[in-house]
Amino acid sequence: MIQDIGAPPLRILYVEDNMLVREITSELLGIDGREIVAVGTAEDALREFRSREIDVVITDVSLPAMSGLELARQLLAIEPELPVIIASGYSLDLTLQRWGPSVRSIIKPFEAVDIGALIDELSSYVRLRRESSSIAAASTK
């Protein structure tokens, strides 16, 4: 992803319960200067999302306690235009189409170039969300 000069780095919340996969994928996701917050559970993801600015969420479907699909539903209830990528061992594209234009899926295991392409594809939603946040912050001053 080509980042706008002066724009803050893309902030990605990555949710994966397998520690080794989480560590390796986090390193790959951070190569282009992205800020990666990696957690192992949906509950930790919700806490992180509420405590910091997040631009994109990437979540595995199979998580302990709360699934990645339920996590995505809860996050989208908070931020309907939030870019979300759901990683699964099987295709979810048709299921997720009704969730909105900022939700995508990717089949695991995925290549860095494929997840990078999805992140680039969703970058327009990131820009819109950042602009909306800037306008909202300016109007409260």
Protein backbone atom coordinates (compact mmCIF):
# COMPACT_ATOMS: atom_id res chain seq x y z
CA MET A 1 0.00 0.00 0.00
CA ILE A 2 1.32 3.40 -0.90
CA GLN A 3 0.78 5.61 2.09
CA ASP A 4 -0.10 9.30 1.83
CA ILE A 5 2.78 11.48 2.96
CA GLY A 6 1.98 12.83 6.40
CA ALA A 7 -0.80 10.30 6.97
CA PRO A 8 -0.50 8.17 10.09
CA PRO A 9 0.43 4.54 9.51
CA LEU A 10 -2.39 2.11 8.86
CA ARG A 11 -3.51 0.61 12.19
CA ILE A 12 -4.46 -3.05 11.93
CA LEU A 13 -6.01 -5.17 14.65
CA TYR A 14 -5.08 -8.79 13.91
CA VAL A 15 -6.93 -11.55 15.78
CA GLU A 16 -5.50 -15.08 15.65
CA ASP A 17 -5.49 -17.63 18.46
CA ASN A 18 -2.49 -19.62 17.16
CA MET A 19 0.49 -17.82 18.68
CA LEU A 20 3.01 -18.86 16.01
CA VAL A 21 0.72 -17.87 13.14
CA ARG A 22 -0.10 -14.60 14.95
CA GLU A 23 3.57 -13.69 15.37
CA ILE A 24 4.63 -14.54 11.81
CA THR A 25 1.63 -12.87 10.19
CA SER A 26 2.02 -9.78 12.38
CA GLU A 27 5.59 -9.38 11.16
CA LEU A 28 4.49 -9.73 7.54
CA LEU A 29 1.64 -7.26 7.98
CA GLY A 30 3.99 -4.70 9.54
CA ILE A 31 6.53 -4.73 6.73
CA ASP A 32 5.02 -1.72 4.94
CA GLY A 33 5.10 0.45 8.07
CA ARG A 34 1.68 -0.58 9.27
CA GLU A 35 1.00 -0.50 13.02
CA ILE A 36 -0.09 -3.99 14.08
CA VAL A 37 -1.95 -4.81 17.28
CA ALA A 38 -2.11 -8.61 17.54
CA VAL A 39 -4.32 -10.46 20.01
CA GLY A 40 -5.41 -14.06 20.53
CA THR A 41 -9.09 -13.72 21.44
CA ALA A 42 -12.17 -11.83 20.31
CA GLU A 43 -12.60 -10.44 23.81
CA ASP A 44 -9.07 -8.96 23.73
CA ALA A 45 -9.84 -7.58 20.26
CA LEU A 46 -12.93 -5.79 21.54
CA ARG A 47 -10.92 -4.24 24.39
CA GLU A 48 -8.20 -3.07 21.99
CA PHE A 49 -10.75 -1.70 19.53
CA ARG A 50 -12.41 0.35 22.27
CA SER A 51 -9.10 1.68 23.59
CA ARG A 52 -7.35 2.86 20.41
CA GLU A 53 -7.85 3.96 16.82
CA ILE A 54 -8.08 0.96 14.50
CA ASP A 55 -8.34 1.23 10.69
CA VAL A 56 -8.70 -2.42 9.65
CA VAL A 57 -9.53 -5.63 11.51
CA ILE A 58 -8.29 -9.01 10.33
CA THR A 59 -9.75 -11.92 12.25
CA ASP A 60 -9.67 -15.68 12.11
CA VAL A 61 -13.10 -17.34 12.18
CA SER A 62 -12.22 -20.05 14.71
CA LEU A 63 -11.40 -18.38 18.00
CA PRO A 64 -11.91 -19.61 21.57
CA ALA A 65 -15.17 -18.49 23.25
CA MET A 66 -16.42 -15.90 20.72
CA SER A 67 -15.95 -16.62 17.00
CA GLY A 68 -14.38 -14.22 14.55
CA LEU A 69 -17.77 -13.88 12.84
CA GLU A 70 -19.42 -12.76 16.08
CA LEU A 71 -16.52 -10.39 16.73
CA ALA A 72 -16.99 -8.88 13.27
CA ARG A 73 -20.74 -8.46 13.90
CA GLN A 74 -20.07 -6.64 17.18
CA LEU A 75 -17.39 -4.40 15.66
CA LEU A 76 -19.61 -3.53 12.69
CA ALA A 77 -22.42 -2.65 15.10
CA ILE A 78 -20.03 -0.09 16.63
CA GLU A 79 -18.50 1.11 13.33
CA PRO A 80 -20.63 0.06 10.32
CA GLU A 81 -18.01 1.11 7.74
CA LEU A 82 -15.09 -0.58 9.52
CA PRO A 83 -12.96 -2.55 7.04
CA VAL A 84 -12.94 -6.17 8.22
CA ILE A 85 -11.15 -9.14 6.68
CA ILE A 86 -12.28 -12.55 7.90
CA ALA A 87 -9.78 -15.39 7.48
CA SER A 88 -11.10 -18.92 7.19
CA GLY A 89 -10.20 -22.32 5.82
CA TYR A 90 -13.18 -22.08 3.47
CA SER A 91 -14.77 -19.41 1.28
CA LEU A 92 -17.18 -17.01 2.97
CA ASP A 93 -17.58 -14.48 0.13
CA LEU A 94 -21.27 -15.14 -0.54
CA THR A 95 -22.13 -15.16 3.16
CA LEU A 96 -20.33 -11.87 3.81
CA GLN A 97 -21.73 -9.92 0.84
CA ARG A 98 -24.76 -8.91 2.88
CA TRP A 99 -22.51 -7.56 5.65
CA GLY A 100 -21.54 -4.55 3.56
CA PRO A 101 -18.92 -3.35 1.12
CA SER A 102 -16.14 -3.00 3.70
CA VAL A 103 -16.16 -6.69 4.69
CA ARG A 104 -14.02 -9.23 2.84
CA SER A 105 -12.81 -12.77 3.37
CA ILE A 106 -9.59 -14.56 2.63
CA ILE A 107 -8.90 -18.28 2.61
CA LYS A 108 -6.22 -19.57 5.00
CA PRO A 109 -3.39 -20.12 4.61
CA PHE A 110 -2.97 -16.88 2.71
CA GLU A 111 0.03 -15.27 1.08
CA ALA A 112 1.31 -11.85 2.18
CA VAL A 113 0.63 -10.45 -1.30
CA ASP A 114 -3.02 -11.58 -1.15
CA ILE A 115 -3.75 -10.03 2.25
CA GLY A 116 -1.87 -6.90 1.15
CA ALA A 117 -4.10 -6.64 -1.91
CA LEU A 118 -7.22 -6.88 0.27
CA ILE A 119 -5.89 -4.20 2.60
CA ASP A 120 -5.17 -1.97 -0.41
CA GLU A 121 -8.68 -2.63 -1.74
CA LEU A 122 -10.19 -1.49 1.57
CA SER A 123 -7.98 1.60 1.85
CA SER A 124 -10.75 3.85 0.46
CA TYR A 125 -12.89 2.94 3.49
CA VAL A 126 -9.95 3.76 5.76
CA ARG A 127 -9.59 7.21 4.20
CA LEU A 128 -13.34 7.89 4.51
CA ARG A 129 -13.37 6.82 8.17
CA ARG A 130 -10.33 9.00 8.93
CA GLU A 131 -11.90 11.99 7.17
CA SER A 132 -15.17 11.48 9.07
CA SER A 133 -13.26 11.30 12.36
CA SER A 134 -11.36 14.51 11.52
CA ILE A 135 -14.58 16.34 10.66
CA ALA A 136 -16.28 15.11 13.84
CA ALA A 137 -13.29 16.16 15.96
CA ALA A 138 -13.17 19.59 14.34
CA SER A 139 -16.88 20.17 14.89
CA THR A 140 -16.57 19.48 18.63
CA LYS A 141 -13.92 22.18 19.08
